[in-house]
């Protein structure tokens, strides 16, 4: 059995200039954005912008997506203009449900750069959707 340290634990233990951590990584302030949308025959491939723009440097720590039964063959993903699936990969929304994420390693702890990643987008796929969608985005800032 081995005892190892995470990257930030190692940096915090050796506080030299090269190891200065983003304040949001250790001891940051958690913020939450909540939004809802009710779709009516919203076409596949559409995007739903939710919440407000994330501040540059924000670290996304969680996404909760809830939805009604939106229609046969329909899917939802959560990302941004840079990657439609950064936080939640496309999955069925044909029956009512809730998804928690990020479900992709690249989305957990993603640091917003301010290029094409400041606005959270829900992207529809597979078929048009009709019904309610709710989302909660958790992120950390200094």
N, C-alpha and C. Protein backbone atom coordinates (compact mmCIF):
# COMPACT_ATOMS: atom_id res chain seq x y z
N UNK A 1 0.85 -1.17 0.00
CA UNK A 1 0.00 0.00 0.00
C UNK A 1 0.89 1.23 0.00
N UNK A 2 0.45 2.27 -0.70
CA UNK A 2 1.23 3.50 -0.81
C UNK A 2 0.43 4.69 -0.32
N UNK A 3 1.12 5.70 0.17
CA UNK A 3 0.51 6.97 0.55
C UNK A 3 1.05 8.02 -0.42
N UNK A 4 0.16 8.63 -1.17
CA UNK A 4 0.57 9.62 -2.18
C UNK A 4 -0.17 10.93 -1.95
N UNK A 5 0.28 11.99 -2.61
CA UNK A 5 -0.34 13.30 -2.46
C UNK A 5 -0.87 13.79 -3.79
N UNK A 6 -2.00 14.48 -3.77
CA UNK A 6 -2.54 15.11 -4.96
C UNK A 6 -1.66 16.27 -5.38
N UNK A 7 -1.85 16.74 -6.58
CA UNK A 7 -1.03 17.83 -7.13
C UNK A 7 -1.11 19.08 -6.26
N UNK A 8 -2.33 19.50 -5.90
CA UNK A 8 -2.46 20.73 -5.11
C UNK A 8 -1.99 20.55 -3.68
N UNK A 9 -2.13 19.35 -3.12
CA UNK A 9 -1.62 19.07 -1.79
C UNK A 9 -0.10 19.21 -1.79
N UNK A 10 0.55 18.71 -2.82
CA UNK A 10 2.00 18.80 -2.94
C UNK A 10 2.44 20.25 -3.06
N UNK A 11 1.73 21.03 -3.89
CA UNK A 11 2.09 22.44 -4.06
C UNK A 11 1.88 23.22 -2.76
N UNK A 12 0.79 22.96 -2.05
CA UNK A 12 0.51 23.67 -0.80
C UNK A 12 1.56 23.38 0.26
N UNK A 13 2.12 22.17 0.23
CA UNK A 13 3.14 21.78 1.21
C UNK A 13 4.49 22.42 0.92
N UNK A 14 4.69 22.93 -0.29
CA UNK A 14 5.96 23.55 -0.69
C UNK A 14 5.67 24.92 -1.28
N UNK A 15 5.39 25.93 -0.42
CA UNK A 15 4.91 27.23 -0.88
C UNK A 15 5.99 28.12 -1.50
N UNK A 16 6.48 27.74 -2.66
CA UNK A 16 7.41 28.61 -3.38
C UNK A 16 6.66 29.26 -4.54
N UNK A 17 7.26 30.24 -5.18
CA UNK A 17 6.58 31.01 -6.23
C UNK A 17 5.96 30.13 -7.32
N UNK A 18 6.63 29.09 -7.72
CA UNK A 18 6.13 28.22 -8.79
C UNK A 18 4.90 27.41 -8.36
N UNK A 19 4.64 27.37 -7.06
CA UNK A 19 3.54 26.56 -6.55
C UNK A 19 2.35 27.38 -6.06
N UNK A 20 2.29 28.65 -6.39
CA UNK A 20 1.16 29.47 -5.97
C UNK A 20 -0.12 28.95 -6.62
N UNK A 21 -1.11 28.69 -5.80
CA UNK A 21 -2.37 28.11 -6.27
C UNK A 21 -3.41 29.18 -6.55
N UNK A 22 -4.26 28.92 -7.53
CA UNK A 22 -5.43 29.74 -7.79
C UNK A 22 -6.26 29.74 -6.50
N UNK A 23 -6.67 30.88 -5.98
CA UNK A 23 -7.44 30.92 -4.74
C UNK A 23 -8.72 30.08 -4.79
N UNK A 24 -9.25 29.84 -5.97
CA UNK A 24 -10.45 29.02 -6.09
C UNK A 24 -10.21 27.54 -5.87
N UNK A 25 -8.95 27.12 -5.92
CA UNK A 25 -8.62 25.69 -5.78
C UNK A 25 -8.66 25.25 -4.32
N UNK A 26 -8.15 26.06 -3.44
CA UNK A 26 -8.16 25.76 -2.00
C UNK A 26 -8.74 26.97 -1.27
N UNK A 27 -9.92 26.81 -0.69
CA UNK A 27 -10.53 27.88 0.09
C UNK A 27 -11.30 28.91 -0.71
N UNK A 28 -11.66 28.60 -1.93
CA UNK A 28 -12.44 29.53 -2.75
C UNK A 28 -13.88 29.63 -2.29
N UNK A 29 -14.60 30.59 -2.82
CA UNK A 29 -16.01 30.77 -2.49
C UNK A 29 -16.88 30.09 -3.54
N UNK A 30 -17.74 29.18 -3.08
CA UNK A 30 -18.60 28.45 -4.01
C UNK A 30 -19.82 29.31 -4.35
N UNK A 31 -20.12 29.37 -5.62
CA UNK A 31 -21.28 30.11 -6.13
C UNK A 31 -22.18 29.13 -6.85
N UNK A 32 -23.44 29.49 -6.98
CA UNK A 32 -24.42 28.64 -7.66
C UNK A 32 -25.28 29.50 -8.57
N UNK A 33 -25.49 29.00 -9.80
CA UNK A 33 -26.44 29.61 -10.72
C UNK A 33 -27.55 28.60 -10.97
N UNK A 34 -28.78 29.07 -10.95
CA UNK A 34 -29.93 28.20 -11.20
C UNK A 34 -30.76 28.84 -12.31
N UNK A 35 -31.25 28.01 -13.23
CA UNK A 35 -32.07 28.53 -14.31
C UNK A 35 -33.05 27.44 -14.77
N UNK A 36 -34.11 27.88 -15.43
CA UNK A 36 -35.10 26.95 -15.99
C UNK A 36 -35.49 27.41 -17.39
N UNK A 37 -36.03 26.48 -18.15
CA UNK A 37 -36.53 26.81 -19.49
C UNK A 37 -37.63 25.81 -19.82
N UNK A 38 -38.70 26.29 -20.43
CA UNK A 38 -39.75 25.40 -20.91
C UNK A 38 -39.78 25.48 -22.42
N UNK A 39 -39.48 24.34 -23.04
CA UNK A 39 -39.38 24.26 -24.50
C UNK A 39 -40.72 23.89 -25.12
N UNK A 40 -40.94 24.38 -26.32
CA UNK A 40 -42.13 24.02 -27.10
C UNK A 40 -41.67 23.72 -28.52
N UNK A 41 -41.53 22.44 -28.83
CA UNK A 41 -41.07 21.98 -30.14
C UNK A 41 -39.74 22.64 -30.54
N UNK A 42 -38.81 22.72 -29.58
CA UNK A 42 -37.49 23.29 -29.83
C UNK A 42 -36.68 22.28 -30.65
N UNK A 43 -36.19 22.72 -31.80
CA UNK A 43 -35.55 21.83 -32.76
C UNK A 43 -34.27 21.19 -32.23
N UNK A 44 -33.98 19.99 -32.70
CA UNK A 44 -32.73 19.31 -32.40
C UNK A 44 -31.57 20.18 -32.88
N UNK A 45 -30.51 20.25 -32.08
CA UNK A 45 -29.36 21.08 -32.43
C UNK A 45 -29.44 22.49 -31.89
N UNK A 46 -30.54 22.81 -31.20
CA UNK A 46 -30.70 24.14 -30.60
C UNK A 46 -29.88 24.24 -29.32
N UNK A 47 -29.57 25.47 -28.93
CA UNK A 47 -28.89 25.69 -27.65
C UNK A 47 -29.74 26.57 -26.76
N UNK A 48 -29.66 26.31 -25.48
CA UNK A 48 -30.35 27.09 -24.46
C UNK A 48 -29.27 27.69 -23.56
N UNK A 49 -29.09 29.01 -23.61
CA UNK A 49 -28.13 29.68 -22.75
C UNK A 49 -28.75 29.82 -21.36
N UNK A 50 -28.01 29.44 -20.32
CA UNK A 50 -28.56 29.46 -18.97
C UNK A 50 -27.66 30.25 -18.03
N UNK A 51 -28.28 30.81 -17.01
CA UNK A 51 -27.56 31.58 -16.01
C UNK A 51 -26.94 32.83 -16.60
N UNK A 52 -25.88 33.28 -15.98
CA UNK A 52 -25.14 34.43 -16.48
C UNK A 52 -23.77 33.93 -16.93
N UNK A 53 -23.00 34.79 -17.55
CA UNK A 53 -21.66 34.40 -17.96
C UNK A 53 -20.80 34.10 -16.74
N UNK A 54 -20.04 33.01 -16.83
CA UNK A 54 -19.11 32.68 -15.75
C UNK A 54 -17.93 33.63 -15.78
N UNK A 55 -17.43 34.03 -14.61
CA UNK A 55 -16.27 34.92 -14.60
C UNK A 55 -15.01 34.16 -15.03
N UNK A 56 -14.11 34.86 -15.69
CA UNK A 56 -12.83 34.26 -16.07
C UNK A 56 -12.13 33.78 -14.80
N UNK A 57 -11.60 32.58 -14.82
CA UNK A 57 -10.93 32.00 -13.67
C UNK A 57 -11.83 31.13 -12.80
N UNK A 58 -13.15 31.18 -13.04
CA UNK A 58 -14.07 30.33 -12.28
C UNK A 58 -13.74 28.86 -12.54
N UNK A 59 -13.92 28.04 -11.52
CA UNK A 59 -13.68 26.60 -11.64
C UNK A 59 -15.02 25.90 -11.46
N UNK A 60 -15.48 25.20 -12.49
CA UNK A 60 -16.77 24.51 -12.43
C UNK A 60 -16.61 23.23 -11.62
N UNK A 61 -17.45 23.09 -10.58
CA UNK A 61 -17.35 21.93 -9.69
C UNK A 61 -18.57 21.02 -9.75
N UNK A 62 -19.66 21.49 -10.33
CA UNK A 62 -20.84 20.63 -10.38
C UNK A 62 -21.91 21.15 -11.32
N UNK A 63 -22.64 20.21 -11.90
CA UNK A 63 -23.78 20.52 -12.76
C UNK A 63 -24.90 19.55 -12.41
N UNK A 64 -26.08 20.08 -12.19
CA UNK A 64 -27.28 19.26 -11.96
C UNK A 64 -28.28 19.64 -13.04
N UNK A 65 -28.74 18.66 -13.80
CA UNK A 65 -29.68 18.90 -14.88
C UNK A 65 -30.91 18.05 -14.64
N UNK A 66 -32.06 18.69 -14.56
CA UNK A 66 -33.33 17.99 -14.42
C UNK A 66 -34.22 18.29 -15.61
N UNK A 67 -35.05 17.33 -15.99
CA UNK A 67 -35.88 17.53 -17.17
C UNK A 67 -37.11 16.65 -17.12
N UNK A 68 -38.18 17.15 -17.75
CA UNK A 68 -39.40 16.36 -17.94
C UNK A 68 -39.15 15.40 -19.10
N UNK A 69 -40.10 14.53 -19.37
CA UNK A 69 -40.00 13.68 -20.56
C UNK A 69 -40.13 14.61 -21.77
N UNK A 70 -39.04 14.77 -22.51
CA UNK A 70 -38.98 15.81 -23.54
C UNK A 70 -39.32 15.32 -24.95
N UNK A 71 -39.47 14.02 -25.12
CA UNK A 71 -39.85 13.49 -26.42
C UNK A 71 -38.97 12.32 -26.84
N UNK A 72 -39.54 11.41 -27.60
CA UNK A 72 -38.82 10.23 -28.07
C UNK A 72 -37.56 10.63 -28.83
N UNK A 73 -36.49 9.91 -28.60
CA UNK A 73 -35.19 10.09 -29.27
C UNK A 73 -34.48 11.39 -28.92
N UNK A 74 -35.00 12.18 -27.99
CA UNK A 74 -34.36 13.45 -27.65
C UNK A 74 -33.17 13.23 -26.71
N UNK A 75 -32.17 14.12 -26.82
CA UNK A 75 -31.02 14.10 -25.92
C UNK A 75 -30.70 15.52 -25.48
N UNK A 76 -29.99 15.61 -24.37
CA UNK A 76 -29.48 16.89 -23.87
C UNK A 76 -28.02 16.72 -23.51
N UNK A 77 -27.23 17.74 -23.76
CA UNK A 77 -25.86 17.80 -23.28
C UNK A 77 -25.64 19.18 -22.67
N UNK A 78 -24.61 19.31 -21.85
CA UNK A 78 -24.31 20.60 -21.22
C UNK A 78 -22.84 20.93 -21.47
N UNK A 79 -22.61 22.13 -21.99
CA UNK A 79 -21.25 22.57 -22.27
C UNK A 79 -21.22 24.06 -22.48
N UNK A 80 -20.47 24.46 -23.48
CA UNK A 80 -20.33 25.88 -23.82
C UNK A 80 -20.04 25.98 -25.31
N UNK A 81 -19.76 27.18 -25.79
CA UNK A 81 -19.52 27.36 -27.23
C UNK A 81 -18.25 26.64 -27.69
N UNK A 82 -17.32 26.39 -26.80
CA UNK A 82 -16.09 25.69 -27.15
C UNK A 82 -16.25 24.19 -27.20
N UNK A 83 -17.16 23.64 -26.40
CA UNK A 83 -17.42 22.20 -26.35
C UNK A 83 -18.83 21.97 -25.84
N UNK A 84 -19.70 21.46 -26.69
CA UNK A 84 -21.10 21.26 -26.32
C UNK A 84 -21.28 20.20 -25.23
N UNK A 85 -20.25 19.40 -25.00
CA UNK A 85 -20.33 18.32 -24.01
C UNK A 85 -19.29 18.46 -22.91
N UNK A 86 -18.82 19.66 -22.66
CA UNK A 86 -17.75 19.85 -21.67
C UNK A 86 -18.15 19.32 -20.29
N UNK A 87 -19.41 19.48 -19.89
CA UNK A 87 -19.82 19.11 -18.54
C UNK A 87 -20.71 17.87 -18.48
N UNK A 88 -21.59 17.69 -19.44
CA UNK A 88 -22.43 16.49 -19.51
C UNK A 88 -22.51 16.03 -20.96
N UNK A 89 -22.13 14.79 -21.20
CA UNK A 89 -22.23 14.22 -22.54
C UNK A 89 -23.70 14.07 -22.91
N UNK A 90 -23.99 14.03 -24.20
CA UNK A 90 -25.38 13.87 -24.66
C UNK A 90 -25.94 12.54 -24.15
N UNK A 91 -27.14 12.60 -23.60
CA UNK A 91 -27.82 11.40 -23.10
C UNK A 91 -29.32 11.61 -23.27
N UNK A 92 -30.04 10.52 -23.24
CA UNK A 92 -31.48 10.54 -23.49
C UNK A 92 -32.23 11.44 -22.52
N UNK A 93 -33.20 12.16 -23.08
CA UNK A 93 -34.14 12.94 -22.27
C UNK A 93 -35.57 12.55 -22.64
N UNK A 94 -35.71 11.33 -23.16
CA UNK A 94 -37.03 10.84 -23.57
C UNK A 94 -37.94 10.61 -22.37
N UNK A 95 -37.36 10.23 -21.23
CA UNK A 95 -38.14 10.09 -20.00
C UNK A 95 -37.60 11.08 -18.98
N UNK A 96 -38.46 11.50 -18.07
CA UNK A 96 -38.07 12.48 -17.06
C UNK A 96 -36.89 11.96 -16.24
N UNK A 97 -36.01 12.87 -15.86
CA UNK A 97 -34.86 12.43 -15.07
C UNK A 97 -34.01 13.57 -14.58
N UNK A 98 -32.94 13.19 -13.89
CA UNK A 98 -31.95 14.12 -13.37
C UNK A 98 -30.59 13.55 -13.67
N UNK A 99 -29.67 14.41 -14.07
CA UNK A 99 -28.29 13.99 -14.30
C UNK A 99 -27.37 14.87 -13.48
N UNK A 100 -26.31 14.27 -12.98
CA UNK A 100 -25.31 14.99 -12.19
C UNK A 100 -23.98 14.94 -12.91
N UNK A 101 -23.24 16.00 -12.84
CA UNK A 101 -21.95 16.01 -13.51
C UNK A 101 -21.03 17.01 -12.86
N UNK A 102 -19.95 17.30 -13.48
CA UNK A 102 -19.55 16.84 -14.79
C UNK A 102 -19.34 15.33 -14.84
N UNK A 103 -19.73 14.72 -15.95
CA UNK A 103 -19.52 13.29 -16.12
C UNK A 103 -18.30 13.00 -16.98
N UNK A 104 -17.57 14.06 -17.32
CA UNK A 104 -16.34 13.92 -18.11
C UNK A 104 -15.18 14.51 -17.31
N UNK A 105 -14.06 13.83 -17.30
CA UNK A 105 -12.90 14.29 -16.54
C UNK A 105 -12.50 15.70 -16.95
N UNK A 106 -12.62 16.02 -18.22
CA UNK A 106 -12.22 17.35 -18.70
C UNK A 106 -13.11 18.46 -18.16
N UNK A 107 -14.32 18.13 -17.72
CA UNK A 107 -15.24 19.14 -17.20
C UNK A 107 -15.10 19.39 -15.72
N UNK A 108 -14.71 18.38 -14.95
CA UNK A 108 -14.58 18.54 -13.51
C UNK A 108 -13.35 19.38 -13.19
N UNK A 109 -13.55 20.50 -12.56
CA UNK A 109 -12.44 21.39 -12.23
C UNK A 109 -12.00 22.25 -13.41
N UNK A 110 -12.83 22.31 -14.46
CA UNK A 110 -12.48 23.11 -15.63
C UNK A 110 -12.37 24.58 -15.23
N UNK A 111 -11.29 25.23 -15.63
CA UNK A 111 -11.06 26.64 -15.33
C UNK A 111 -11.48 27.47 -16.54
N UNK A 112 -12.42 28.37 -16.34
CA UNK A 112 -12.95 29.22 -17.42
C UNK A 112 -11.86 30.18 -17.88
N UNK A 113 -11.60 30.19 -19.19
CA UNK A 113 -10.52 31.00 -19.75
C UNK A 113 -11.00 32.34 -20.31
N UNK A 114 -12.29 32.45 -20.59
CA UNK A 114 -12.82 33.70 -21.13
C UNK A 114 -12.82 33.75 -22.64
N UNK A 115 -12.55 32.65 -23.29
CA UNK A 115 -12.59 32.62 -24.76
C UNK A 115 -14.00 32.26 -25.20
N UNK A 116 -14.27 30.98 -25.41
CA UNK A 116 -15.60 30.55 -25.84
C UNK A 116 -16.28 29.72 -24.76
N UNK A 117 -15.88 29.92 -23.51
CA UNK A 117 -16.36 29.03 -22.44
C UNK A 117 -17.06 29.73 -21.28
N UNK A 118 -17.45 30.98 -21.45
CA UNK A 118 -18.05 31.70 -20.32
C UNK A 118 -19.55 31.47 -20.18
N UNK A 119 -20.24 31.12 -21.25
CA UNK A 119 -21.68 30.91 -21.18
C UNK A 119 -22.00 29.42 -21.20
N UNK A 120 -22.78 28.97 -20.22
CA UNK A 120 -23.19 27.57 -20.16
C UNK A 120 -24.35 27.37 -21.12
N UNK A 121 -24.25 26.33 -21.94
CA UNK A 121 -25.27 26.02 -22.94
C UNK A 121 -25.77 24.60 -22.79
N UNK A 122 -27.09 24.44 -22.82
CA UNK A 122 -27.71 23.12 -22.94
C UNK A 122 -27.97 22.93 -24.43
N UNK A 123 -27.51 21.82 -24.99
CA UNK A 123 -27.71 21.56 -26.41
C UNK A 123 -28.66 20.38 -26.60
N UNK A 124 -29.65 20.57 -27.45
CA UNK A 124 -30.62 19.51 -27.74
C UNK A 124 -30.11 18.66 -28.89
N UNK A 125 -30.54 17.41 -28.91
CA UNK A 125 -30.13 16.52 -29.99
C UNK A 125 -31.16 15.44 -30.22
N UNK A 126 -31.03 14.74 -31.32
CA UNK A 126 -31.86 13.58 -31.62
C UNK A 126 -33.24 13.90 -32.16
N UNK A 127 -33.93 14.80 -31.54
CA UNK A 127 -35.29 15.18 -31.94
C UNK A 127 -35.65 16.49 -31.25
N UNK A 128 -36.73 17.13 -31.70
CA UNK A 128 -37.19 18.35 -31.03
C UNK A 128 -37.67 18.01 -29.62
N UNK A 129 -37.63 19.00 -28.74
CA UNK A 129 -38.06 18.76 -27.35
C UNK A 129 -39.21 19.68 -26.98
N UNK A 130 -40.05 19.16 -26.10
CA UNK A 130 -41.14 19.92 -25.51
C UNK A 130 -41.22 19.56 -24.04
N UNK A 131 -41.10 20.58 -23.17
CA UNK A 131 -41.17 20.34 -21.74
C UNK A 131 -40.18 21.18 -20.97
N UNK A 132 -40.16 20.96 -19.67
CA UNK A 132 -39.35 21.78 -18.77
C UNK A 132 -37.96 21.20 -18.56
N UNK A 133 -36.99 22.13 -18.44
CA UNK A 133 -35.60 21.80 -18.15
C UNK A 133 -35.16 22.72 -17.02
N UNK A 134 -34.43 22.17 -16.05
CA UNK A 134 -33.88 22.98 -14.96
C UNK A 134 -32.41 22.62 -14.78
N UNK A 135 -31.61 23.62 -14.44
CA UNK A 135 -30.18 23.37 -14.28
C UNK A 135 -29.63 24.16 -13.10
N UNK A 136 -28.63 23.58 -12.45
CA UNK A 136 -27.88 24.25 -11.38
C UNK A 136 -26.41 24.07 -11.71
N UNK A 137 -25.68 25.16 -11.76
CA UNK A 137 -24.24 25.12 -12.04
C UNK A 137 -23.52 25.61 -10.80
N UNK A 138 -22.60 24.79 -10.29
CA UNK A 138 -21.79 25.16 -9.13
C UNK A 138 -20.39 25.51 -9.62
N UNK A 139 -19.86 26.61 -9.11
CA UNK A 139 -18.50 26.99 -9.49
C UNK A 139 -17.83 27.71 -8.33
N UNK A 140 -16.52 27.74 -8.37
CA UNK A 140 -15.74 28.36 -7.30
C UNK A 140 -14.97 29.53 -7.89
N UNK A 141 -14.96 30.63 -7.15
CA UNK A 141 -14.14 31.79 -7.48
C UNK A 141 -13.46 32.24 -6.20
N UNK A 142 -12.48 33.09 -6.34
CA UNK A 142 -11.75 33.58 -5.17
C UNK A 142 -12.64 34.43 -4.31
